[in-house]
Amino acid sequence: MNFPTASLIEPAMLSVSFAPKQSKPLKIPSLLKQKADPTYFDLRVME
């Protein structure tokens, strides 16, 4: 199963696991939510 979303989300999850506390914790989940949201891809295609 070669889904682009999987290759994007998995490394992001690893980044979250090893992210220092200095990172903004609210920003990372919002990015993951956008990538997982179908409408996010639709908007990118429309652009």
Protein backbone atom coordinates (compact mmCIF):
# COMPACT_ATOMS: atom_id res chain seq x y z
CA MET A 1 0.00 0.00 0.00
CA ASN A 2 1.83 3.08 -1.25
CA PHE A 3 -0.32 6.00 -0.16
CA PRO A 4 1.32 9.47 -0.24
CA THR A 5 -0.59 10.37 2.92
CA ALA A 6 0.98 7.47 4.80
CA SER A 7 4.51 8.53 3.83
CA LEU A 8 3.71 12.09 4.95
CA ILE A 9 1.97 11.25 8.21
CA GLU A 10 4.31 8.52 9.49
CA PRO A 11 7.49 10.68 9.52
CA ALA A 12 5.43 13.49 11.03
CA MET A 13 4.38 11.16 13.85
CA LEU A 14 8.03 10.29 14.45
CA SER A 15 8.88 14.00 14.50
CA VAL A 16 6.21 14.54 17.13
CA SER A 17 7.61 11.72 19.26
CA PHE A 18 11.14 13.15 19.23
CA ALA A 19 10.18 16.82 19.12
CA PRO A 20 11.71 18.93 21.92
CA LYS A 21 9.38 20.68 24.33
CA GLN A 22 10.39 23.98 22.72
CA SER A 23 8.33 23.03 19.67
CA LYS A 24 4.77 24.35 19.47
CA PRO A 25 2.67 21.26 20.31
CA LEU A 26 -0.55 22.72 18.91
CA LYS A 27 0.90 23.43 15.49
CA ILE A 28 1.98 19.87 14.68
CA PRO A 29 -1.42 18.18 15.24
CA SER A 30 -3.09 20.89 13.15
CA LEU A 31 -0.73 20.07 10.28
CA LEU A 32 -1.48 16.36 10.65
CA LYS A 33 -5.20 17.13 10.67
CA GLN A 34 -4.88 19.15 7.45
CA LYS A 35 -2.96 16.36 5.72
CA ALA A 36 -5.52 13.81 6.87
CA ASP A 37 -8.42 16.03 5.81
CA PRO A 38 -9.62 15.21 2.24
CA THR A 39 -10.74 18.82 1.75
CA TYR A 40 -7.13 19.91 2.31
CA PHE A 41 -6.06 17.94 -0.76
CA ASP A 42 -9.05 19.24 -2.72
CA LEU A 43 -8.03 22.83 -1.99
CA ARG A 44 -4.47 22.11 -3.09
CA VAL A 45 -5.75 20.64 -6.35
CA MET A 46 -8.00 23.64 -6.96
CA GLU A 47 -5.00 25.96 -6.61
